[in-house]
């Protein structure tokens, strides 16, 4: 069993109601079926419930799982902001539970409206307005800052996105999402070292059962390739490629790009045959072509083949050039 997350209750009155509710329900109903003691998770000075960071791994009975998650379902509705994530792993199967407050509190309503509008075509501007209202109503709304950062990122407002992601981290550094978002902004700014740190923090604050864990590992590997730290990039990318993803996982379509990046990293360390195998794997992987155009992969294979001394490397340059690669056209002109 794995538990992670934080809930904020906003004020002393609500916090006292929560702790009283916990004590009463524990005494009258749940008794010994709760995996956490109140002194382990309640922070009086912050009016918050915080599960031990980065996450709690416990081995216990199904009864304890049901009791703990049922109690958390009750407690979460007192919160003004926060999220609890729970996983129960048994005999190879995984049960996942995400708990967030969904009440008629104004900050809660505006936050969820913003989240819904993010998913709606053309709804980004309205989403930003709703999330801003949530922040106005509760200035420590780390999740609203993260979502508004995502909206600004999608709208191309990178300075504002960087501010929002950083503000979310300042409020609650335990959430992995704003670290990931800030890392992507820093990639656009060519701040590769800082981006590596953000993606590393994302990995540390998530678990391998979450797609975000692997998305961050891939991004970290990509940044290391850009900084020519090839020997550090290779294990990141190899670990990523060892993982099996189902077709619904956002990582499924990124394996093609991961093979390509691995090929570049292997070439950078002089492992030419392995690099060629990786690039061939990339070209053979058809899912995710939109994330790695054919021309880019063919260009890289031509570069590897040239390093290997293959006589036919120009064919890849010609194919890449025919697909619009300016770099392939330049390389062909150099050899003309």
Foldseek 3Di string as FASTA:
>chain_A
DKKFKKFALQDLVLLVVLVVVVVVCCVPPLPPLEPDDPVQFQDNVRSMGGADPLMDDDDDDVSSVVSHVVSVQVSQQSGLAMKMWDWDADPRDIDIDIHHHDDPDQLNVLQVVLVVLVPPVPSLVVSLVSLVVSCVVPVLHLVSLLSNLVSCVVVVVLVSSLVSLVSSCVSPVLALRSLQSNLVSVVVVVVLVSSLVSLVSSLRNDDPVDLSNLVSLLSNLVSCLVVLVLVVSQVSLVVSLVDDDDPVRPCLLVNLVSLQSNLSSCVSVVNLVSSLVSLVVSLVDPRNCVVPPPLNSLLSNLVSCVVVVHPPSLVSLVVSVVVPDPVSVVVVVVVD
